Amino acid sequence: SNIGFEWRLHIIDSWDTRYKELIRYANEFGNTRVPQKYAQNPRLGHWVCNQRHKYKKFQNGITSCGISTDQIQQLSNIGFEWRIQSSASWIDLTRSEEMIKKSQVGITSCSKKKEFEFSC
């Protein structure tokens, strides 16, 4: 039975919500490299990862992958990084990423290079 709920509108609202959250994250941290397991907003980390996966499919000719050219443009306009190295050295992390790292795995006094996994 049709109760009048349109799923497509819900998906668009959800995308727009995450996009706005990403803009806030970028304004706060200076980048769009949301960790996949971002403790302050796990949905955003998951969403960012999904956008990269969908974009990769789109680039491989699968245009029904769930991301539109308009969404790709919107993300590109805010400096979205479509490809991110899977890890960065502990020394090279920006201050914001270092704070996220510490909040997720605890502070380390080790001077060795540590690896930090970004989303995707």
PDB file of N, CA and C in Angstrom:
ATOM      1  N   SER A   1       0.841  -1.186   0.000  1.00  0.00           N
ATOM      2  CA  SER A   1       0.000   0.000   0.000  1.00  0.00           C
ATOM      3  C   SER A   1       0.883   1.245   0.000  1.00  0.00           C
ATOM      4  N   ASN A   2       0.449   2.233  -0.711  1.00  0.00           N
ATOM      5  CA  ASN A   2       1.197   3.480  -0.828  1.00  0.00           C
ATOM      6  C   ASN A   2       0.687   4.464   0.211  1.00  0.00           C
ATOM      7  N   ILE A   3       1.552   4.874   1.118  1.00  0.00           N
ATOM      8  CA  ILE A   3       1.147   5.829   2.152  1.00  0.00           C
ATOM      9  C   ILE A   3       1.604   7.244   1.828  1.00  0.00           C
ATOM     10  N   GLY A   4       2.131   7.432   0.641  1.00  0.00           N
ATOM     11  CA  GLY A   4       2.515   8.760   0.199  1.00  0.00           C
ATOM     12  C   GLY A   4       3.921   9.195   0.545  1.00  0.00           C
ATOM     13  N   PHE A   5       4.730   8.315   1.120  1.00  0.00           N
ATOM     14  CA  PHE A   5       6.108   8.660   1.460  1.00  0.00           C
ATOM     15  C   PHE A   5       6.990   8.492   0.239  1.00  0.00           C
ATOM     16  N   GLU A   6       7.767   9.505  -0.090  1.00  0.00           N
ATOM     17  CA  GLU A   6       8.646   9.420  -1.246  1.00  0.00           C
ATOM     18  C   GLU A   6      10.070   9.209  -0.765  1.00  0.00           C
ATOM     19  N   TRP A   7      10.604   8.007  -1.028  1.00  0.00           N
ATOM     20  CA  TRP A   7      11.946   7.643  -0.588  1.00  0.00           C
ATOM     21  C   TRP A   7      13.008   8.529  -1.211  1.00  0.00           C
ATOM     22  N   ARG A   8      12.844   8.900  -2.454  1.00  0.00           N
ATOM     23  CA  ARG A   8      13.843   9.718  -3.138  1.00  0.00           C
ATOM     24  C   ARG A   8      14.065  11.038  -2.405  1.00  0.00           C
ATOM     25  N   LEU A   9      13.004  11.654  -1.942  1.00  0.00           N
ATOM     26  CA  LEU A   9      13.141  12.914  -1.214  1.00  0.00           C
ATOM     27  C   LEU A   9      13.911  12.706   0.080  1.00  0.00           C
ATOM     28  N   HIS A  10      13.675  11.594   0.752  1.00  0.00           N
ATOM     29  CA  HIS A  10      14.397  11.284   1.989  1.00  0.00           C
ATOM     30  C   HIS A  10      15.886  11.123   1.698  1.00  0.00           C
ATOM     31  N   ILE A  11      16.231  10.463   0.598  1.00  0.00           N
ATOM     32  CA  ILE A  11      17.639  10.270   0.224  1.00  0.00           C
ATOM     33  C   ILE A  11      18.297  11.610  -0.071  1.00  0.00           C
ATOM     34  N   ILE A  12      17.602  12.475  -0.787  1.00  0.00           N
ATOM     35  CA  ILE A  12      18.149  13.795  -1.113  1.00  0.00           C
ATOM     36  C   ILE A  12      18.351  14.602   0.170  1.00  0.00           C
ATOM     37  N   ASP A  13      17.344  14.581   1.066  1.00  0.00           N
ATOM     38  CA  ASP A  13      17.471  15.305   2.334  1.00  0.00           C
ATOM     39  C   ASP A  13      18.663  14.788   3.127  1.00  0.00           C
ATOM     40  N   SER A  14      18.831  13.478   3.142  1.00  0.00           N
ATOM     41  CA  SER A  14      19.941  12.874   3.870  1.00  0.00           C
ATOM     42  C   SER A  14      21.275  13.315   3.262  1.00  0.00           C
ATOM     43  N   TRP A  15      21.382  13.321   1.945  1.00  0.00           N
ATOM     44  CA  TRP A  15      22.611  13.746   1.277  1.00  0.00           C
ATOM     45  C   TRP A  15      22.903  15.203   1.618  1.00  0.00           C
ATOM     46  N   ASP A  16      21.877  16.040   1.513  1.00  0.00           N
ATOM     47  CA  ASP A  16      22.052  17.460   1.814  1.00  0.00           C
ATOM     48  C   ASP A  16      22.471  17.680   3.267  1.00  0.00           C
ATOM     49  N   THR A  17      21.903  16.886   4.173  1.00  0.00           N
ATOM     50  CA  THR A  17      22.261  16.990   5.586  1.00  0.00           C
ATOM     51  C   THR A  17      23.730  16.665   5.790  1.00  0.00           C
ATOM     52  N   ARG A  18      24.197  15.564   5.216  1.00  0.00           N
ATOM     53  CA  ARG A  18      25.600  15.166   5.363  1.00  0.00           C
ATOM     54  C   ARG A  18      26.519  16.188   4.681  1.00  0.00           C
ATOM     55  N   TYR A  19      26.110  16.694   3.535  1.00  0.00           N
ATOM     56  CA  TYR A  19      26.897  17.703   2.824  1.00  0.00           C
ATOM     57  C   TYR A  19      27.098  18.937   3.707  1.00  0.00           C
ATOM     58  N   LYS A  20      26.039  19.391   4.357  1.00  0.00           N
ATOM     59  CA  LYS A  20      26.139  20.547   5.252  1.00  0.00           C
ATOM     60  C   LYS A  20      27.046  20.231   6.441  1.00  0.00           C
ATOM     61  N   GLU A  21      26.949  18.997   6.951  1.00  0.00           N
ATOM     62  CA  GLU A  21      27.838  18.592   8.047  1.00  0.00           C
ATOM     63  C   GLU A  21      29.294  18.581   7.590  1.00  0.00           C
ATOM     64  N   LEU A  22      29.519  18.159   6.346  1.00  0.00           N
ATOM     65  CA  LEU A  22      30.873  18.148   5.797  1.00  0.00           C
ATOM     66  C   LEU A  22      31.412  19.577   5.673  1.00  0.00           C
ATOM     67  N   ILE A  23      30.579  20.497   5.257  1.00  0.00           N
ATOM     68  CA  ILE A  23      30.998  21.899   5.166  1.00  0.00           C
ATOM     69  C   ILE A  23      31.395  22.413   6.552  1.00  0.00           C
ATOM     70  N   ARG A  24      30.604  22.086   7.562  1.00  0.00           N
ATOM     71  CA  ARG A  24      30.947  22.500   8.935  1.00  0.00           C
ATOM     72  C   ARG A  24      32.269  21.870   9.376  1.00  0.00           C
ATOM     73  N   TYR A  25      32.457  20.590   9.047  1.00  0.00           N
ATOM     74  CA  TYR A  25      33.709  19.912   9.393  1.00  0.00           C
ATOM     75  C   TYR A  25      34.886  20.618   8.710  1.00  0.00           C
ATOM     76  N   ALA A  26      34.739  20.910   7.421  1.00  0.00           N
ATOM     77  CA  ALA A  26      35.811  21.569   6.667  1.00  0.00           C
ATOM     78  C   ALA A  26      36.115  22.950   7.241  1.00  0.00           C
ATOM     79  N   ASN A  27      35.086  23.662   7.650  1.00  0.00           N
ATOM     80  CA  ASN A  27      35.301  24.975   8.260  1.00  0.00           C
ATOM     81  C   ASN A  27      36.050  24.862   9.587  1.00  0.00           C
ATOM     82  N   GLU A  28      35.756  23.806  10.337  1.00  0.00           N
ATOM     83  CA  GLU A  28      36.400  23.620  11.638  1.00  0.00           C
ATOM     84  C   GLU A  28      37.824  23.090  11.524  1.00  0.00           C
ATOM     85  N   PHE A  29      38.043  22.105  10.622  1.00  0.00           N
ATOM     86  CA  PHE A  29      39.337  21.422  10.556  1.00  0.00           C
ATOM     87  C   PHE A  29      40.192  21.814   9.350  1.00  0.00           C
ATOM     88  N   GLY A  30      39.618  22.552   8.404  1.00  0.00           N
ATOM     89  CA  GLY A  30      40.388  23.019   7.271  1.00  0.00           C
ATOM     90  C   GLY A  30      40.571  22.005   6.154  1.00  0.00           C
ATOM     91  N   ASN A  31      39.842  20.893   6.207  1.00  0.00           N
ATOM     92  CA  ASN A  31      39.918  19.885   5.149  1.00  0.00           C
ATOM     93  C   ASN A  31      38.650  19.041   5.162  1.00  0.00           C
ATOM     94  N   THR A  32      38.524  18.178   4.174  1.00  0.00           N
ATOM     95  CA  THR A  32      37.358  17.286   4.085  1.00  0.00           C
ATOM     96  C   THR A  32      37.742  15.840   4.362  1.00  0.00           C
ATOM     97  N   ARG A  33      38.870  15.629   5.008  1.00  0.00           N
ATOM     98  CA  ARG A  33      39.356  14.268   5.293  1.00  0.00           C
ATOM     99  C   ARG A  33      38.767  13.748   6.604  1.00  0.00           C
ATOM    100  N   VAL A  34      37.477  13.491   6.580  1.00  0.00           N
ATOM    101  CA  VAL A  34      36.790  12.986   7.767  1.00  0.00           C
ATOM    102  C   VAL A  34      37.204  11.527   7.980  1.00  0.00           C
ATOM    103  N   PRO A  35      37.711  11.197   9.158  1.00  0.00           N
ATOM    104  CA  PRO A  35      38.051   9.785   9.411  1.00  0.00           C
ATOM    105  C   PRO A  35      36.807   8.906   9.281  1.00  0.00           C
ATOM    106  N   GLN A  36      36.991   7.725   8.743  1.00  0.00           N
ATOM    107  CA  GLN A  36      35.858   6.826   8.552  1.00  0.00           C
ATOM    108  C   GLN A  36      35.161   6.530   9.877  1.00  0.00           C
ATOM    109  N   LYS A  37      35.935   6.438  10.942  1.00  0.00           N
ATOM    110  CA  LYS A  37      35.357   6.181  12.264  1.00  0.00           C
ATOM    111  C   LYS A  37      35.446   7.449  13.110  1.00  0.00           C
ATOM    112  N   TYR A  38      34.877   8.518  12.600  1.00  0.00           N
ATOM    113  CA  TYR A  38      34.897   9.817  13.264  1.00  0.00           C
ATOM    114  C   TYR A  38      33.944   9.775  14.458  1.00  0.00           C
ATOM    115  N   ALA A  39      34.502   9.758  15.644  1.00  0.00           N
ATOM    116  CA  ALA A  39      33.730   9.547  16.870  1.00  0.00           C
ATOM    117  C   ALA A  39      32.640  10.606  17.076  1.00  0.00           C
ATOM    118  N   GLN A  40      32.916  11.858  16.700  1.00  0.00           N
ATOM    119  CA  GLN A  40      31.950  12.925  16.922  1.00  0.00           C
ATOM    120  C   GLN A  40      30.748  12.838  15.984  1.00  0.00           C
ATOM    121  N   ASN A  41      30.904  12.170  14.836  1.00  0.00           N
ATOM    122  CA  ASN A  41      29.797  12.036  13.886  1.00  0.00           C
ATOM    123  C   ASN A  41      30.066  10.816  12.997  1.00  0.00           C
ATOM    124  N   PRO A  42      29.803   9.618  13.499  1.00  0.00           N
ATOM    125  CA  PRO A  42      30.083   8.400  12.727  1.00  0.00           C
ATOM    126  C   PRO A  42      29.384   8.354  11.368  1.00  0.00           C
ATOM    127  N   ARG A  43      28.175   8.912  11.300  1.00  0.00           N
ATOM    128  CA  ARG A  43      27.444   8.908  10.018  1.00  0.00           C
ATOM    129  C   ARG A  43      28.179   9.722   8.959  1.00  0.00           C
ATOM    130  N   LEU A  44      28.780  10.828   9.364  1.00  0.00           N
ATOM    131  CA  LEU A  44      29.514  11.658   8.412  1.00  0.00           C
ATOM    132  C   LEU A  44      30.726  10.914   7.873  1.00  0.00           C
ATOM    133  N   GLY A  45      31.481  10.254   8.745  1.00  0.00           N
ATOM    134  CA  GLY A  45      32.633   9.479   8.299  1.00  0.00           C
ATOM    135  C   GLY A  45      32.238   8.401   7.312  1.00  0.00           C
ATOM    136  N   HIS A  46      31.157   7.712   7.605  1.00  0.00           N
ATOM    137  CA  HIS A  46      30.653   6.658   6.715  1.00  0.00           C
ATOM    138  C   HIS A  46      30.191   7.260   5.380  1.00  0.00           C
ATOM    139  N   TRP A  47      29.498   8.385   5.448  1.00  0.00           N
ATOM    140  CA  TRP A  47      28.978   9.041   4.258  1.00  0.00           C
ATOM    141  C   TRP A  47      30.119   9.495   3.334  1.00  0.00           C
ATOM    142  N   VAL A  48      31.150  10.097   3.926  1.00  0.00           N
ATOM    143  CA  VAL A  48      32.299  10.554   3.135  1.00  0.00           C
ATOM    144  C   VAL A  48      32.936   9.369   2.410  1.00  0.00           C
ATOM    145  N   CYS A  49      33.095   8.284   3.107  1.00  0.00           N
ATOM    146  CA  CYS A  49      33.657   7.074   2.507  1.00  0.00           C
ATOM    147  C   CYS A  49      32.790   6.603   1.339  1.00  0.00           C
ATOM    148  N   ASN A  50      31.485   6.601   1.552  1.00  0.00           N
ATOM    149  CA  ASN A  50      30.572   6.179   0.487  1.00  0.00           C
ATOM    150  C   ASN A  50      30.652   7.081  -0.734  1.00  0.00           C
ATOM    151  N   GLN A  51      30.826   8.380  -0.511  1.00  0.00           N
ATOM    152  CA  GLN A  51      30.921   9.303  -1.657  1.00  0.00           C
ATOM    153  C   GLN A  51      32.149   8.963  -2.504  1.00  0.00           C
ATOM    154  N   ARG A  52      33.249   8.630  -1.841  1.00  0.00           N
ATOM    155  CA  ARG A  52      34.458   8.261  -2.587  1.00  0.00           C
ATOM    156  C   ARG A  52      34.259   6.963  -3.364  1.00  0.00           C
ATOM    157  N   HIS A  53      33.608   5.990  -2.749  1.00  0.00           N
ATOM    158  CA  HIS A  53      33.347   4.726  -3.443  1.00  0.00           C
ATOM    159  C   HIS A  53      32.424   4.939  -4.646  1.00  0.00           C
ATOM    160  N   LYS A  54      31.381   5.729  -4.450  1.00  0.00           N
ATOM    161  CA  LYS A  54      30.440   6.005  -5.540  1.00  0.00           C
ATOM    162  C   LYS A  54      31.138   6.761  -6.671  1.00  0.00           C
ATOM    163  N   TYR A  55      31.986   7.695  -6.324  1.00  0.00           N
ATOM    164  CA  TYR A  55      32.713   8.465  -7.334  1.00  0.00           C
ATOM    165  C   TYR A  55      33.633   7.562  -8.146  1.00  0.00           C
ATOM    166  N   LYS A  56      34.300   6.649  -7.472  1.00  0.00           N
ATOM    167  CA  LYS A  56      35.186   5.713  -8.166  1.00  0.00           C
ATOM    168  C   LYS A  56      34.391   4.887  -9.179  1.00  0.00           C
ATOM    169  N   LYS A  57      33.216   4.416  -8.772  1.00  0.00           N
ATOM    170  CA  LYS A  57      32.354   3.675  -9.703  1.00  0.00           C
ATOM    171  C   LYS A  57      31.934   4.567 -10.860  1.00  0.00           C
ATOM    172  N   PHE A  58      31.572   5.811 -10.548  1.00  0.00           N
ATOM    173  CA  PHE A  58      31.159   6.772 -11.568  1.00  0.00           C
ATOM    174  C   PHE A  58      32.287   6.974 -12.581  1.00  0.00           C
ATOM    175  N   GLN A  59      33.513   7.115 -12.088  1.00  0.00           N
ATOM    176  CA  GLN A  59      34.678   7.299 -12.956  1.00  0.00           C
ATOM    177  C   GLN A  59      34.918   6.072 -13.843  1.00  0.00           C
ATOM    178  N   ASN A  60      34.478   4.911 -13.354  1.00  0.00           N
ATOM    179  CA  ASN A  60      34.634   3.672 -14.126  1.00  0.00           C
ATOM    180  C   ASN A  60      33.441   3.406 -15.043  1.00  0.00           C
ATOM    181  N   GLY A  61      32.586   4.416 -15.235  1.00  0.00           N
ATOM    182  CA  GLY A  61      31.493   4.300 -16.185  1.00  0.00           C
ATOM    183  C   GLY A  61      30.188   3.783 -15.617  1.00  0.00           C
ATOM    184  N   ILE A  62      30.121   3.555 -14.333  1.00  0.00           N
ATOM    185  CA  ILE A  62      28.883   3.080 -13.712  1.00  0.00           C
ATOM    186  C   ILE A  62      28.132   4.314 -13.205  1.00  0.00           C
ATOM    187  N   THR A  63      27.321   4.897 -14.091  1.00  0.00           N
ATOM    188  CA  THR A  63      26.659   6.158 -13.762  1.00  0.00           C
ATOM    189  C   THR A  63      25.446   5.971 -12.864  1.00  0.00           C
ATOM    190  N   SER A  64      25.008   4.736 -12.665  1.00  0.00           N
ATOM    191  CA  SER A  64      23.879   4.476 -11.762  1.00  0.00           C
ATOM    192  C   SER A  64      24.372   4.089 -10.374  1.00  0.00           C
ATOM    193  N   CYS A  65      25.501   4.656  -9.961  1.00  0.00           N
ATOM    194  CA  CYS A  65      26.168   4.273  -8.719  1.00  0.00           C
ATOM    195  C   CYS A  65      25.645   5.017  -7.498  1.00  0.00           C
ATOM    196  N   GLY A  66      24.744   5.966  -7.685  1.00  0.00           N
ATOM    197  CA  GLY A  66      24.174   6.658  -6.539  1.00  0.00           C
ATOM    198  C   GLY A  66      24.752   8.028  -6.256  1.00  0.00           C
ATOM    199  N   ILE A  67      25.557   8.558  -7.179  1.00  0.00           N
ATOM    200  CA  ILE A  67      26.058   9.927  -7.034  1.00  0.00           C
ATOM    201  C   ILE A  67      25.839  10.631  -8.368  1.00  0.00           C
ATOM    202  N   SER A  68      25.318  11.840  -8.292  1.00  0.00           N
ATOM    203  CA  SER A  68      25.020  12.588  -9.510  1.00  0.00           C
ATOM    204  C   SER A  68      26.167  13.526  -9.862  1.00  0.00           C
ATOM    205  N   THR A  69      26.170  13.989 -11.099  1.00  0.00           N
ATOM    206  CA  THR A  69      27.196  14.952 -11.509  1.00  0.00           C
ATOM    207  C   THR A  69      27.062  16.240 -10.695  1.00  0.00           C
ATOM    208  N   ASP A  70      25.841  16.609 -10.327  1.00  0.00           N
ATOM    209  CA  ASP A  70      25.622  17.790  -9.507  1.00  0.00           C
ATOM    210  C   ASP A  70      26.240  17.598  -8.117  1.00  0.00           C
ATOM    211  N   GLN A  71      26.062  16.422  -7.532  1.00  0.00           N
ATOM    212  CA  GLN A  71      26.652  16.146  -6.224  1.00  0.00           C
ATOM    213  C   GLN A  71      28.176  16.135  -6.297  1.00  0.00           C
ATOM    214  N   ILE A  72      28.703  15.549  -7.361  1.00  0.00           N
ATOM    215  CA  ILE A  72      30.157  15.553  -7.564  1.00  0.00           C
ATOM    216  C   ILE A  72      30.667  16.987  -7.636  1.00  0.00           C
ATOM    217  N   GLN A  73      29.956  17.831  -8.368  1.00  0.00           N
ATOM    218  CA  GLN A  73      30.361  19.235  -8.501  1.00  0.00           C
ATOM    219  C   GLN A  73      30.286  19.967  -7.165  1.00  0.00           C
ATOM    220  N   GLN A  74      29.217  19.725  -6.412  1.00  0.00           N
ATOM    221  CA  GLN A  74      29.081  20.375  -5.105  1.00  0.00           C
ATOM    222  C   GLN A  74      30.243  20.001  -4.183  1.00  0.00           C
ATOM    223  N   LEU A  75      30.576  18.717  -4.162  1.00  0.00           N
ATOM    224  CA  LEU A  75      31.684  18.267  -3.319  1.00  0.00           C
ATOM    225  C   LEU A  75      33.015  18.844  -3.801  1.00  0.00           C
ATOM    226  N   SER A  76      33.210  18.841  -5.109  1.00  0.00           N
ATOM    227  CA  SER A  76      34.446  19.401  -5.670  1.00  0.00           C
ATOM    228  C   SER A  76      34.576  20.883  -5.342  1.00  0.00           C
ATOM    229  N   ASN A  77      33.458  21.589  -5.349  1.00  0.00           N
ATOM    230  CA  ASN A  77      33.459  23.029  -5.073  1.00  0.00           C
ATOM    231  C   ASN A  77      33.948  23.372  -3.670  1.00  0.00           C
ATOM    232  N   ILE A  78      33.812  22.444  -2.722  1.00  0.00           N
ATOM    233  CA  ILE A  78      34.274  22.719  -1.353  1.00  0.00           C
ATOM    234  C   ILE A  78      35.634  22.081  -1.089  1.00  0.00           C
ATOM    235  N   GLY A  79      36.287  21.607  -2.154  1.00  0.00           N
ATOM    236  CA  GLY A  79      37.627  21.049  -2.011  1.00  0.00           C
ATOM    237  C   GLY A  79      37.645  19.602  -1.556  1.00  0.00           C
ATOM    238  N   PHE A  80      36.565  18.874  -1.831  1.00  0.00           N
ATOM    239  CA  PHE A  80      36.504  17.468  -1.439  1.00  0.00           C
ATOM    240  C   PHE A  80      37.641  16.702  -2.095  1.00  0.00           C
ATOM    241  N   GLU A  81      38.323  15.905  -1.297  1.00  0.00           N
ATOM    242  CA  GLU A  81      39.445  15.120  -1.803  1.00  0.00           C
ATOM    243  C   GLU A  81      38.927  13.736  -2.178  1.00  0.00           C
ATOM    244  N   TRP A  82      38.858  13.495  -3.472  1.00  0.00           N
ATOM    245  CA  TRP A  82      38.284  12.248  -3.968  1.00  0.00           C
ATOM    246  C   TRP A  82      39.192  11.055  -3.713  1.00  0.00           C
ATOM    247  N   ARG A  83      40.482  11.294  -3.689  1.00  0.00           N
ATOM    248  CA  ARG A  83      41.437  10.216  -3.420  1.00  0.00           C
ATOM    249  C   ARG A  83      42.296  10.632  -2.251  1.00  0.00           C
ATOM    250  N   ILE A  84      42.374   9.746  -1.282  1.00  0.00           N
ATOM    251  CA  ILE A  84      43.173  10.020  -0.089  1.00  0.00           C
ATOM    252  C   ILE A  84      44.074   8.824   0.129  1.00  0.00           C
ATOM    253  N   GLN A  85      45.306   9.097   0.485  1.00  0.00           N
ATOM    254  CA  GLN A  85      46.188   7.994   0.851  1.00  0.00           C
ATOM    255  C   GLN A  85      45.551   7.277   2.027  1.00  0.00           C
ATOM    256  N   SER A  86      45.742   5.974   2.091  1.00  0.00           N
ATOM    257  CA  SER A  86      45.090   5.203   3.151  1.00  0.00           C
ATOM    258  C   SER A  86      45.656   5.512   4.527  1.00  0.00           C
ATOM    259  N   SER A  87      46.841   6.080   4.573  1.00  0.00           N
ATOM    260  CA  SER A  87      47.393   6.436   5.878  1.00  0.00           C
ATOM    261  C   SER A  87      48.337   7.618   5.741  1.00  0.00           C
ATOM    262  N   ALA A  88      48.606   8.246   6.851  1.00  0.00           N
ATOM    263  CA  ALA A  88      49.551   9.368   6.883  1.00  0.00           C
ATOM    264  C   ALA A  88      50.427   9.173   8.100  1.00  0.00           C
ATOM    265  N   SER A  89      51.617   9.676   8.025  1.00  0.00           N
ATOM    266  CA  SER A  89      52.493   9.494   9.188  1.00  0.00           C
ATOM    267  C   SER A  89      52.009  10.359  10.338  1.00  0.00           C
ATOM    268  N   TRP A  90      52.261   9.903  11.536  1.00  0.00           N
ATOM    269  CA  TRP A  90      51.869  10.616  12.746  1.00  0.00           C
ATOM    270  C   TRP A  90      52.464  12.016  12.756  1.00  0.00           C
ATOM    271  N   ILE A  91      53.682  12.137  12.295  1.00  0.00           N
ATOM    272  CA  ILE A  91      54.383  13.421  12.306  1.00  0.00           C
ATOM    273  C   ILE A  91      53.722  14.417  11.352  1.00  0.00           C
ATOM    274  N   ASP A  92      53.179  13.933  10.235  1.00  0.00           N
ATOM    275  CA  ASP A  92      52.620  14.814   9.223  1.00  0.00           C
ATOM    276  C   ASP A  92      51.166  15.196   9.461  1.00  0.00           C
ATOM    277  N   LEU A  93      50.557  14.674  10.500  1.00  0.00           N
ATOM    278  CA  LEU A  93      49.154  14.987  10.748  1.00  0.00           C
ATOM    279  C   LEU A  93      48.998  16.449  11.125  1.00  0.00           C
ATOM    280  N   THR A  94      47.916  17.044  10.659  1.00  0.00           N
ATOM    281  CA  THR A  94      47.634  18.410  11.096  1.00  0.00           C
ATOM    282  C   THR A  94      47.164  18.355  12.538  1.00  0.00           C
ATOM    283  N   ARG A  95      47.117  19.480  13.167  1.00  0.00           N
ATOM    284  CA  ARG A  95      46.719  19.519  14.581  1.00  0.00           C
ATOM    285  C   ARG A  95      45.331  18.912  14.779  1.00  0.00           C
ATOM    286  N   SER A  96      44.388  19.221  13.889  1.00  0.00           N
ATOM    287  CA  SER A  96      43.035  18.689  14.057  1.00  0.00           C
ATOM    288  C   SER A  96      43.021  17.170  13.919  1.00  0.00           C
ATOM    289  N   GLU A  97      43.769  16.651  12.966  1.00  0.00           N
ATOM    290  CA  GLU A  97      43.809  15.207  12.790  1.00  0.00           C
ATOM    291  C   GLU A  97      44.489  14.534  13.974  1.00  0.00           C
ATOM    292  N   GLU A  98      45.484  15.211  14.532  1.00  0.00           N
ATOM    293  CA  GLU A  98      46.172  14.671  15.700  1.00  0.00           C
ATOM    294  C   GLU A  98      45.206  14.601  16.883  1.00  0.00           C
ATOM    295  N   MET A  99      44.372  15.620  17.036  1.00  0.00           N
ATOM    296  CA  MET A  99      43.392  15.612  18.112  1.00  0.00           C
ATOM    297  C   MET A  99      42.401  14.475  17.930  1.00  0.00           C
ATOM    298  N   ILE A 100      41.954  14.239  16.700  1.00  0.00           N
ATOM    299  CA  ILE A 100      41.037  13.141  16.421  1.00  0.00           C
ATOM    300  C   ILE A 100      41.710  11.819  16.744  1.00  0.00           C
ATOM    301  N   LYS A 101      42.949  11.677  16.313  1.00  0.00           N
ATOM    302  CA  LYS A 101      43.707  10.446  16.575  1.00  0.00           C
ATOM    303  C   LYS A 101      43.773  10.176  18.074  1.00  0.00           C
ATOM    304  N   LYS A 102      44.121  11.193  18.842  1.00  0.00           N
ATOM    305  CA  LYS A 102      44.259  11.027  20.278  1.00  0.00           C
ATOM    306  C   LYS A 102      42.930  10.650  20.916  1.00  0.00           C
ATOM    307  N   SER A 103      41.842  11.231  20.432  1.00  0.00           N
ATOM    308  CA  SER A 103      40.546  10.934  21.027  1.00  0.00           C
ATOM    309  C   SER A 103      40.074   9.527  20.687  1.00  0.00           C
ATOM    310  N   GLN A 104      40.565   8.967  19.582  1.00  0.00           N
ATOM    311  CA  GLN A 104      40.107   7.648  19.174  1.00  0.00           C
ATOM    312  C   GLN A 104      40.961   6.520  19.712  1.00  0.00           C
ATOM    313  N   VAL A 105      42.251   6.715  19.863  1.00  0.00           N
ATOM    314  CA  VAL A 105      43.114   5.609  20.277  1.00  0.00           C
ATOM    315  C   VAL A 105      43.928   5.916  21.532  1.00  0.00           C
ATOM    316  N   GLY A 106      43.757   7.066  22.102  1.00  0.00           N
ATOM    317  CA  GLY A 106      44.514   7.407  23.299  1.00  0.00           C
ATOM    318  C   GLY A 106      45.830   8.077  22.950  1.00  0.00           C
ATOM    319  N   ILE A 107      46.300   8.897  23.823  1.00  0.00           N
ATOM    320  CA  ILE A 107      47.543   9.643  23.594  1.00  0.00           C
ATOM    321  C   ILE A 107      48.730   8.689  23.688  1.00  0.00           C
ATOM    322  N   THR A 108      49.671   8.893  22.794  1.00  0.00           N
ATOM    323  CA  THR A 108      50.867   8.059  22.805  1.00  0.00           C
ATOM    324  C   THR A 108      52.088   8.936  23.054  1.00  0.00           C
ATOM    325  N   SER A 109      53.036   8.419  23.791  1.00  0.00           N
ATOM    326  CA  SER A 109      54.282   9.153  24.015  1.00  0.00           C
ATOM    327  C   SER A 109      55.383   8.605  23.121  1.00  0.00           C
ATOM    328  N   CYS A 110      55.031   7.663  22.284  1.00  0.00           N
ATOM    329  CA  CYS A 110      55.996   7.030  21.388  1.00  0.00           C
ATOM    330  C   CYS A 110      56.407   8.006  20.289  1.00  0.00           C
ATOM    331  N   SER A 111      57.679   8.082  19.985  1.00  0.00           N
ATOM    332  CA  SER A 111      58.138   8.997  18.942  1.00  0.00           C
ATOM    333  C   SER A 111      58.210   8.317  17.575  1.00  0.00           C
ATOM    334  N   LYS A 112      57.877   7.022  17.525  1.00  0.00           N
ATOM    335  CA  LYS A 112      57.868   6.325  16.240  1.00  0.00           C
ATOM    336  C   LYS A 112      56.726   6.864  15.392  1.00  0.00           C
ATOM    337  N   LYS A 113      56.825   6.668  14.094  1.00  0.00           N
ATOM    338  CA  LYS A 113      55.739   7.060  13.217  1.00  0.00           C
ATOM    339  C   LYS A 113      54.542   6.142  13.466  1.00  0.00           C
ATOM    340  N   LYS A 114      53.391   6.737  13.576  1.00  0.00           N
ATOM    341  CA  LYS A 114      52.152   5.994  13.750  1.00  0.00           C
ATOM    342  C   LYS A 114      51.332   6.147  12.463  1.00  0.00           C
ATOM    343  N   GLU A 115      50.515   5.187  12.181  1.00  0.00           N
ATOM    344  CA  GLU A 115      49.656   5.264  11.006  1.00  0.00           C
ATOM    345  C   GLU A 115      48.239   5.639  11.438  1.00  0.00           C
ATOM    346  N   PHE A 116      47.603   6.464  10.662  1.00  0.00           N
ATOM    347  CA  PHE A 116      46.242   6.905  10.934  1.00  0.00           C
ATOM    348  C   PHE A 116      45.404   6.636   9.701  1.00  0.00           C
ATOM    349  N   GLU A 117      44.368   5.909   9.855  1.00  0.00           N
ATOM    350  CA  GLU A 117      43.509   5.524   8.736  1.00  0.00           C
ATOM    351  C   GLU A 117      42.455   6.596   8.506  1.00  0.00           C
ATOM    352  N   PHE A 118      42.448   7.162   7.313  1.00  0.00           N
ATOM    353  CA  PHE A 118      41.403   8.108   6.932  1.00  0.00           C
ATOM    354  C   PHE A 118      40.273   7.330   6.282  1.00  0.00           C
ATOM    355  N   SER A 119      39.155   8.006   6.112  1.00  0.00           N
ATOM    356  CA  SER A 119      38.046   7.334   5.457  1.00  0.00           C
ATOM    357  C   SER A 119      38.428   7.035   4.015  1.00  0.00           C
ATOM    358  N   CYS A 120      38.287   5.817   3.667  1.00  0.00           N
ATOM    359  CA  CYS A 120      38.529   5.293   2.322  1.00  0.00           C
ATOM    360  C   CYS A 120      39.980   5.431   1.926  1.00  0.00           C
TER     361      CYS A 120
END
